[in-house]
Amino acid sequence: MVIDHSLITRKIVKISLSRAGYDVVTFADCIQAYKRINETPPDLLLIGTEFEGMNGYEFAHLLRAHPEFANLPLLFLARRGGLVERFKARMAGGVGIVTKPLIVRELVAQVQKVLDERAEHPLADLPTTHLPSIPDNTENTQ
C-alpha cells in the first residue's frame, strides 16, 4: 500500500512495484488509506511524509498505537534522507526511508528486502482486527 500526496510519486511507485510482481494500491491521503487498512491489511506500507492535516509520521504513530499493527513494516517516502528524517522515521516505527526523487532500482530493492525480512519473522503476521474510526474531514475542505 502506498500513501502519498503526489500523484506522480504514486504512479511511479505503483508501476515500478507492479512490474516487479507486487500488487499495489495507492491513496492520496491517510484517511482513505486508514479505512482500507481495516478492510485489507497490507504486507507493507509506503507512507509519504507530507500531508495536510495528518502527516505520515503522525499516521504511523496512530497505527502503532494498535497492537495488531505493531509489526506492519513501514517505509517512508521523504524528500530528504538525512539524519533528522531518519530519526523521525525510526521514532514513528518505520524500518527505513525511500528518498525522492525515486530511484526505481533502489525502491524495488528496499521493498524486497523489507518483505523478505518480514517473511523470515513469523510474528510479523499477527491477526488483524478493525481499527477505530477517525473523523473524515474531507467533506469540509474547499
N, C-alpha and C. Protein backbone atom coordinates (compact mmCIF):
# COMPACT_ATOMS: atom_id res chain seq x y z
N MET A 1 0.85 -1.17 0.00
CA MET A 1 0.00 0.00 0.00
C MET A 1 0.89 1.24 0.00
N VAL A 2 0.53 2.20 -0.83
CA VAL A 2 1.29 3.44 -0.96
C VAL A 2 0.37 4.61 -0.63
N ILE A 3 0.85 5.49 0.25
CA ILE A 3 0.11 6.71 0.59
C ILE A 3 1.04 7.88 0.34
N ASP A 4 0.67 8.73 -0.61
CA ASP A 4 1.48 9.91 -0.89
C ASP A 4 0.60 10.97 -1.52
N HIS A 5 0.87 12.23 -1.21
CA HIS A 5 0.06 13.32 -1.75
C HIS A 5 0.32 13.55 -3.23
N SER A 6 1.48 13.10 -3.71
CA SER A 6 1.86 13.35 -5.10
C SER A 6 1.36 12.24 -6.03
N LEU A 7 0.55 12.62 -7.00
CA LEU A 7 0.05 11.67 -8.00
C LEU A 7 1.21 11.04 -8.77
N ILE A 8 2.19 11.84 -9.11
CA ILE A 8 3.34 11.33 -9.86
C ILE A 8 4.09 10.27 -9.05
N THR A 9 4.33 10.56 -7.79
CA THR A 9 5.02 9.58 -6.93
C THR A 9 4.22 8.30 -6.84
N ARG A 10 2.91 8.43 -6.63
CA ARG A 10 2.07 7.22 -6.53
C ARG A 10 2.15 6.40 -7.81
N LYS A 11 2.12 7.07 -8.97
CA LYS A 11 2.18 6.35 -10.25
C LYS A 11 3.53 5.67 -10.43
N ILE A 12 4.60 6.37 -10.14
CA ILE A 12 5.94 5.78 -10.29
C ILE A 12 6.08 4.55 -9.39
N VAL A 13 5.67 4.68 -8.15
CA VAL A 13 5.78 3.55 -7.22
C VAL A 13 4.91 2.38 -7.67
N LYS A 14 3.68 2.68 -8.05
CA LYS A 14 2.77 1.61 -8.48
C LYS A 14 3.30 0.88 -9.71
N ILE A 15 3.73 1.62 -10.72
CA ILE A 15 4.24 0.99 -11.94
C ILE A 15 5.51 0.17 -11.64
N SER A 16 6.42 0.77 -10.88
CA SER A 16 7.68 0.10 -10.57
C SER A 16 7.47 -1.20 -9.80
N LEU A 17 6.65 -1.13 -8.77
CA LEU A 17 6.43 -2.32 -7.95
C LEU A 17 5.55 -3.34 -8.65
N SER A 18 4.61 -2.89 -9.46
CA SER A 18 3.77 -3.82 -10.24
C SER A 18 4.62 -4.60 -11.23
N ARG A 19 5.55 -3.92 -11.89
CA ARG A 19 6.46 -4.60 -12.82
C ARG A 19 7.35 -5.62 -12.11
N ALA A 20 7.60 -5.38 -10.82
CA ALA A 20 8.42 -6.31 -10.03
C ALA A 20 7.58 -7.45 -9.46
N GLY A 21 6.27 -7.45 -9.77
CA GLY A 21 5.40 -8.55 -9.36
C GLY A 21 4.56 -8.32 -8.11
N TYR A 22 4.52 -7.10 -7.61
CA TYR A 22 3.75 -6.80 -6.41
C TYR A 22 2.37 -6.25 -6.76
N ASP A 23 1.40 -6.55 -5.93
CA ASP A 23 0.08 -5.93 -6.03
C ASP A 23 0.15 -4.64 -5.23
N VAL A 24 -0.22 -3.54 -5.85
CA VAL A 24 -0.07 -2.23 -5.22
C VAL A 24 -1.39 -1.48 -5.27
N VAL A 25 -1.78 -0.91 -4.13
CA VAL A 25 -2.90 0.02 -4.08
C VAL A 25 -2.36 1.34 -3.57
N THR A 26 -2.90 2.44 -4.09
CA THR A 26 -2.40 3.75 -3.72
C THR A 26 -3.51 4.63 -3.18
N PHE A 27 -3.11 5.57 -2.34
CA PHE A 27 -4.05 6.52 -1.75
C PHE A 27 -3.38 7.88 -1.68
N ALA A 28 -4.19 8.92 -1.84
CA ALA A 28 -3.69 10.29 -1.81
C ALA A 28 -3.61 10.86 -0.41
N ASP A 29 -4.31 10.23 0.54
CA ASP A 29 -4.25 10.74 1.92
C ASP A 29 -4.39 9.60 2.92
N CYS A 30 -4.04 9.92 4.14
CA CYS A 30 -4.01 8.92 5.21
C CYS A 30 -5.41 8.44 5.61
N ILE A 31 -6.39 9.31 5.54
CA ILE A 31 -7.74 8.92 5.96
C ILE A 31 -8.30 7.84 5.05
N GLN A 32 -8.14 7.99 3.73
CA GLN A 32 -8.61 6.96 2.80
C GLN A 32 -7.88 5.64 3.06
N ALA A 33 -6.58 5.72 3.26
CA ALA A 33 -5.78 4.51 3.49
C ALA A 33 -6.17 3.84 4.80
N TYR A 34 -6.42 4.63 5.81
CA TYR A 34 -6.80 4.11 7.13
C TYR A 34 -8.05 3.25 7.01
N LYS A 35 -9.02 3.73 6.24
CA LYS A 35 -10.25 2.96 6.04
C LYS A 35 -9.97 1.64 5.33
N ARG A 36 -9.08 1.66 4.37
CA ARG A 36 -8.77 0.45 3.60
C ARG A 36 -7.98 -0.57 4.42
N ILE A 37 -7.12 -0.08 5.30
CA ILE A 37 -6.35 -0.99 6.15
C ILE A 37 -7.27 -1.84 6.99
N ASN A 38 -8.39 -1.28 7.40
CA ASN A 38 -9.40 -2.04 8.15
C ASN A 38 -9.93 -3.21 7.32
N GLU A 39 -10.13 -2.98 6.03
CA GLU A 39 -10.71 -4.00 5.15
C GLU A 39 -9.68 -5.03 4.70
N THR A 40 -8.53 -4.56 4.25
CA THR A 40 -7.49 -5.42 3.69
C THR A 40 -6.12 -4.96 4.19
N PRO A 41 -5.62 -5.55 5.25
CA PRO A 41 -4.31 -5.13 5.77
C PRO A 41 -3.19 -5.41 4.75
N PRO A 42 -2.31 -4.44 4.53
CA PRO A 42 -1.22 -4.63 3.58
C PRO A 42 -0.06 -5.42 4.19
N ASP A 43 0.84 -5.90 3.33
CA ASP A 43 2.06 -6.54 3.79
C ASP A 43 3.14 -5.51 4.11
N LEU A 44 3.00 -4.34 3.49
CA LEU A 44 3.97 -3.26 3.65
C LEU A 44 3.25 -1.95 3.36
N LEU A 45 3.65 -0.92 4.08
CA LEU A 45 3.06 0.40 3.87
C LEU A 45 4.16 1.39 3.54
N LEU A 46 4.05 2.02 2.37
CA LEU A 46 4.94 3.11 1.97
C LEU A 46 4.17 4.40 2.23
N ILE A 47 4.69 5.25 3.12
CA ILE A 47 3.96 6.44 3.54
C ILE A 47 4.75 7.70 3.23
N GLY A 48 4.11 8.62 2.51
CA GLY A 48 4.70 9.94 2.31
C GLY A 48 4.72 10.68 3.63
N THR A 49 5.59 11.65 3.73
CA THR A 49 5.70 12.39 5.00
C THR A 49 4.97 13.71 4.98
N GLU A 50 4.52 14.16 3.82
CA GLU A 50 3.91 15.48 3.70
C GLU A 50 2.44 15.39 3.31
N PHE A 51 1.58 15.71 4.26
CA PHE A 51 0.14 15.76 4.03
C PHE A 51 -0.43 16.92 4.82
N GLU A 52 -1.57 17.41 4.39
CA GLU A 52 -2.29 18.40 5.18
C GLU A 52 -3.06 17.66 6.25
N GLY A 53 -3.14 18.22 7.42
CA GLY A 53 -3.91 17.61 8.49
C GLY A 53 -3.10 16.61 9.29
N MET A 54 -2.85 15.45 8.74
CA MET A 54 -2.12 14.40 9.43
C MET A 54 -0.94 13.97 8.55
N ASN A 55 0.28 14.19 9.02
CA ASN A 55 1.43 13.80 8.19
C ASN A 55 1.72 12.31 8.35
N GLY A 56 2.64 11.81 7.56
CA GLY A 56 2.94 10.39 7.56
C GLY A 56 3.44 9.87 8.89
N TYR A 57 4.22 10.67 9.61
CA TYR A 57 4.73 10.24 10.91
C TYR A 57 3.59 10.13 11.93
N GLU A 58 2.67 11.09 11.90
CA GLU A 58 1.52 11.04 12.80
C GLU A 58 0.65 9.82 12.49
N PHE A 59 0.47 9.55 11.20
CA PHE A 59 -0.30 8.38 10.80
C PHE A 59 0.36 7.10 11.30
N ALA A 60 1.67 7.03 11.20
CA ALA A 60 2.40 5.86 11.68
C ALA A 60 2.21 5.68 13.18
N HIS A 61 2.27 6.78 13.93
CA HIS A 61 2.03 6.70 15.38
C HIS A 61 0.63 6.19 15.68
N LEU A 62 -0.34 6.62 14.90
CA LEU A 62 -1.72 6.16 15.05
C LEU A 62 -1.80 4.65 14.84
N LEU A 63 -1.17 4.16 13.79
CA LEU A 63 -1.16 2.72 13.53
C LEU A 63 -0.45 1.96 14.63
N ARG A 64 0.69 2.45 15.05
CA ARG A 64 1.50 1.76 16.05
C ARG A 64 0.81 1.70 17.41
N ALA A 65 -0.19 2.55 17.63
CA ALA A 65 -0.93 2.52 18.89
C ALA A 65 -1.80 1.27 19.01
N HIS A 66 -1.96 0.54 17.91
CA HIS A 66 -2.78 -0.67 17.90
C HIS A 66 -1.87 -1.88 17.77
N PRO A 67 -1.92 -2.79 18.74
CA PRO A 67 -1.01 -3.95 18.74
C PRO A 67 -1.07 -4.79 17.48
N GLU A 68 -2.22 -4.85 16.83
CA GLU A 68 -2.33 -5.67 15.63
C GLU A 68 -1.50 -5.13 14.47
N PHE A 69 -1.02 -3.88 14.58
CA PHE A 69 -0.19 -3.30 13.54
C PHE A 69 1.23 -3.02 14.03
N ALA A 70 1.59 -3.63 15.14
CA ALA A 70 2.92 -3.41 15.72
C ALA A 70 4.03 -3.90 14.81
N ASN A 71 3.77 -4.91 14.00
CA ASN A 71 4.79 -5.48 13.15
C ASN A 71 4.60 -5.18 11.67
N LEU A 72 3.66 -4.30 11.34
CA LEU A 72 3.46 -3.92 9.95
C LEU A 72 4.65 -3.07 9.50
N PRO A 73 5.40 -3.52 8.49
CA PRO A 73 6.55 -2.74 8.04
C PRO A 73 6.12 -1.41 7.41
N LEU A 74 6.79 -0.34 7.84
CA LEU A 74 6.51 0.99 7.33
C LEU A 74 7.78 1.57 6.72
N LEU A 75 7.69 1.97 5.46
CA LEU A 75 8.76 2.69 4.79
C LEU A 75 8.23 4.08 4.48
N PHE A 76 9.03 5.09 4.75
CA PHE A 76 8.59 6.45 4.49
C PHE A 76 9.16 6.97 3.17
N LEU A 77 8.32 7.72 2.44
CA LEU A 77 8.73 8.39 1.21
C LEU A 77 8.98 9.84 1.57
N ALA A 78 10.25 10.27 1.55
CA ALA A 78 10.59 11.60 2.02
C ALA A 78 11.48 12.33 1.03
N ARG A 79 11.41 13.65 1.05
CA ARG A 79 12.25 14.47 0.17
C ARG A 79 13.70 14.46 0.62
N ARG A 80 13.89 14.30 1.92
CA ARG A 80 15.25 14.29 2.47
C ARG A 80 15.49 12.94 3.15
N GLY A 81 16.74 12.51 3.11
CA GLY A 81 17.08 11.26 3.75
C GLY A 81 18.14 11.44 4.81
N GLY A 82 18.23 12.66 5.33
CA GLY A 82 19.25 12.97 6.32
C GLY A 82 18.96 12.39 7.69
N LEU A 83 19.82 12.72 8.61
CA LEU A 83 19.76 12.19 9.97
C LEU A 83 18.43 12.51 10.66
N VAL A 84 17.95 13.74 10.50
CA VAL A 84 16.71 14.14 11.17
C VAL A 84 15.53 13.33 10.63
N GLU A 85 15.42 13.20 9.31
CA GLU A 85 14.31 12.43 8.72
C GLU A 85 14.39 10.96 9.12
N ARG A 86 15.59 10.41 9.13
CA ARG A 86 15.75 9.00 9.53
C ARG A 86 15.36 8.80 10.99
N PHE A 87 15.70 9.79 11.82
CA PHE A 87 15.33 9.73 13.23
C PHE A 87 13.81 9.78 13.38
N LYS A 88 13.16 10.70 12.66
CA LYS A 88 11.69 10.81 12.72
C LYS A 88 11.05 9.50 12.26
N ALA A 89 11.57 8.92 11.20
CA ALA A 89 11.02 7.66 10.69
C ALA A 89 11.17 6.55 11.72
N ARG A 90 12.32 6.46 12.33
CA ARG A 90 12.57 5.42 13.33
C ARG A 90 11.67 5.61 14.54
N MET A 91 11.51 6.86 14.99
CA MET A 91 10.66 7.15 16.15
C MET A 91 9.20 6.84 15.86
N ALA A 92 8.80 6.92 14.59
CA ALA A 92 7.41 6.61 14.20
C ALA A 92 7.22 5.12 13.94
N GLY A 93 8.27 4.33 14.13
CA GLY A 93 8.14 2.89 13.93
C GLY A 93 8.48 2.41 12.54
N GLY A 94 9.11 3.27 11.76
CA GLY A 94 9.47 2.90 10.39
C GLY A 94 10.72 2.05 10.33
N VAL A 95 10.84 1.31 9.24
CA VAL A 95 12.02 0.47 9.03
C VAL A 95 13.01 1.15 8.08
N GLY A 96 12.64 2.29 7.51
CA GLY A 96 13.54 3.00 6.62
C GLY A 96 12.86 4.12 5.87
N ILE A 97 13.67 4.76 5.02
CA ILE A 97 13.20 5.87 4.20
C ILE A 97 13.61 5.62 2.75
N VAL A 98 12.70 5.91 1.84
CA VAL A 98 13.00 5.94 0.42
C VAL A 98 12.95 7.42 0.05
N THR A 99 14.06 7.94 -0.48
CA THR A 99 14.11 9.37 -0.76
C THR A 99 13.64 9.70 -2.17
N LYS A 100 13.11 10.90 -2.28
CA LYS A 100 12.68 11.45 -3.56
C LYS A 100 13.77 12.38 -4.05
N PRO A 101 14.05 12.45 -5.31
CA PRO A 101 13.40 11.72 -6.39
C PRO A 101 13.72 10.23 -6.30
N LEU A 102 12.74 9.43 -6.65
CA LEU A 102 12.85 7.98 -6.52
C LEU A 102 13.81 7.40 -7.55
N ILE A 103 14.60 6.46 -7.09
CA ILE A 103 15.43 5.65 -7.98
C ILE A 103 14.80 4.26 -7.95
N VAL A 104 14.23 3.88 -9.08
CA VAL A 104 13.38 2.69 -9.15
C VAL A 104 14.09 1.45 -8.62
N ARG A 105 15.31 1.21 -9.03
CA ARG A 105 16.03 0.01 -8.57
C ARG A 105 16.16 -0.03 -7.06
N GLU A 106 16.47 1.13 -6.47
CA GLU A 106 16.61 1.21 -5.01
C GLU A 106 15.27 1.00 -4.32
N LEU A 107 14.22 1.56 -4.87
CA LEU A 107 12.88 1.38 -4.32
C LEU A 107 12.51 -0.09 -4.30
N VAL A 108 12.63 -0.76 -5.44
CA VAL A 108 12.27 -2.18 -5.53
C VAL A 108 13.15 -3.01 -4.61
N ALA A 109 14.44 -2.72 -4.56
CA ALA A 109 15.35 -3.48 -3.69
C ALA A 109 15.00 -3.31 -2.22
N GLN A 110 14.66 -2.10 -1.82
CA GLN A 110 14.32 -1.85 -0.42
C GLN A 110 13.01 -2.54 -0.05
N VAL A 111 12.02 -2.48 -0.93
CA VAL A 111 10.74 -3.16 -0.69
C VAL A 111 10.97 -4.67 -0.57
N GLN A 112 11.74 -5.23 -1.50
CA GLN A 112 12.03 -6.67 -1.47
C GLN A 112 12.74 -7.06 -0.18
N LYS A 113 13.69 -6.25 0.26
CA LYS A 113 14.42 -6.54 1.50
C LYS A 113 13.49 -6.56 2.70
N VAL A 114 12.63 -5.56 2.79
CA VAL A 114 11.70 -5.48 3.92
C VAL A 114 10.74 -6.67 3.92
N LEU A 115 10.20 -7.01 2.75
CA LEU A 115 9.26 -8.12 2.67
C LEU A 115 9.95 -9.46 2.93
N ASP A 116 11.19 -9.61 2.49
CA ASP A 116 11.95 -10.83 2.79
C ASP A 116 12.18 -10.97 4.28
N GLU A 117 12.54 -9.86 4.93
CA GLU A 117 12.75 -9.89 6.38
C GLU A 117 11.45 -10.23 7.11
N ARG A 118 10.35 -9.70 6.63
CA ARG A 118 9.06 -10.00 7.25
C ARG A 118 8.72 -11.47 7.11
N ALA A 119 9.02 -12.05 5.96
CA ALA A 119 8.73 -13.47 5.73
C ALA A 119 9.56 -14.36 6.67
N GLU A 120 10.73 -13.89 7.07
CA GLU A 120 11.60 -14.66 7.95
C GLU A 120 11.15 -14.61 9.41
N HIS A 121 10.29 -13.65 9.75
CA HIS A 121 9.84 -13.47 11.13
C HIS A 121 8.35 -13.74 11.23
N PRO A 122 7.96 -14.92 11.67
CA PRO A 122 6.53 -15.28 11.71
C PRO A 122 5.68 -14.36 12.57
N LEU A 123 6.25 -13.69 13.57
CA LEU A 123 5.46 -12.79 14.40
C LEU A 123 4.98 -11.58 13.63
N ALA A 124 5.51 -11.36 12.45
CA ALA A 124 5.08 -10.23 11.63
C ALA A 124 3.67 -10.41 11.10
N ASP A 125 3.16 -11.63 11.14
CA ASP A 125 1.83 -11.89 10.62
C ASP A 125 0.82 -12.09 11.74
N LEU A 126 0.72 -11.12 12.61
CA LEU A 126 -0.25 -11.18 13.69
C LEU A 126 -1.65 -10.99 13.14
N PRO A 127 -2.67 -11.56 13.79
CA PRO A 127 -4.04 -11.35 13.30
C PRO A 127 -4.41 -9.87 13.38
N THR A 128 -5.23 -9.46 12.44
CA THR A 128 -5.64 -8.07 12.35
C THR A 128 -7.10 -7.93 12.76
N THR A 129 -7.36 -6.91 13.54
CA THR A 129 -8.74 -6.58 13.89
C THR A 129 -9.01 -5.18 13.35
N HIS A 130 -10.25 -4.77 13.44
CA HIS A 130 -10.61 -3.46 12.91
C HIS A 130 -10.13 -2.34 13.82
N LEU A 131 -9.68 -1.28 13.20
CA LEU A 131 -9.26 -0.08 13.92
C LEU A 131 -10.48 0.77 14.22
N PRO A 132 -10.39 1.60 15.25
CA PRO A 132 -11.49 2.53 15.50
C PRO A 132 -11.55 3.56 14.38
N SER A 133 -12.70 4.16 14.19
CA SER A 133 -12.84 5.13 13.12
C SER A 133 -12.18 6.45 13.51
N ILE A 134 -11.76 7.20 12.51
CA ILE A 134 -11.24 8.54 12.73
C ILE A 134 -12.12 9.49 11.95
N PRO A 135 -12.19 10.74 12.38
CA PRO A 135 -13.09 11.68 11.69
C PRO A 135 -12.66 11.90 10.26
N ASP A 136 -13.62 11.99 9.39
CA ASP A 136 -13.38 12.25 7.97
C ASP A 136 -13.71 13.71 7.70
N ASN A 137 -12.66 14.53 7.65
CA ASN A 137 -12.85 15.97 7.44
C ASN A 137 -12.72 16.37 5.98
N THR A 138 -12.71 15.38 5.09
CA THR A 138 -12.52 15.70 3.68
C THR A 138 -13.71 16.43 3.10
N GLU A 139 -14.90 16.27 3.70
CA GLU A 139 -16.09 16.95 3.18
C GLU A 139 -16.03 18.45 3.45
N ASN A 140 -15.27 18.86 4.48
CA ASN A 140 -15.23 20.26 4.84
C ASN A 140 -14.13 21.03 4.11
N THR A 141 -13.29 20.33 3.34
CA THR A 141 -12.21 21.02 2.65
C THR A 141 -12.74 21.72 1.42
N GLN A 142 -12.10 22.82 1.08
CA GLN A 142 -12.55 23.60 -0.07
C GLN A 142 -11.63 23.43 -1.23
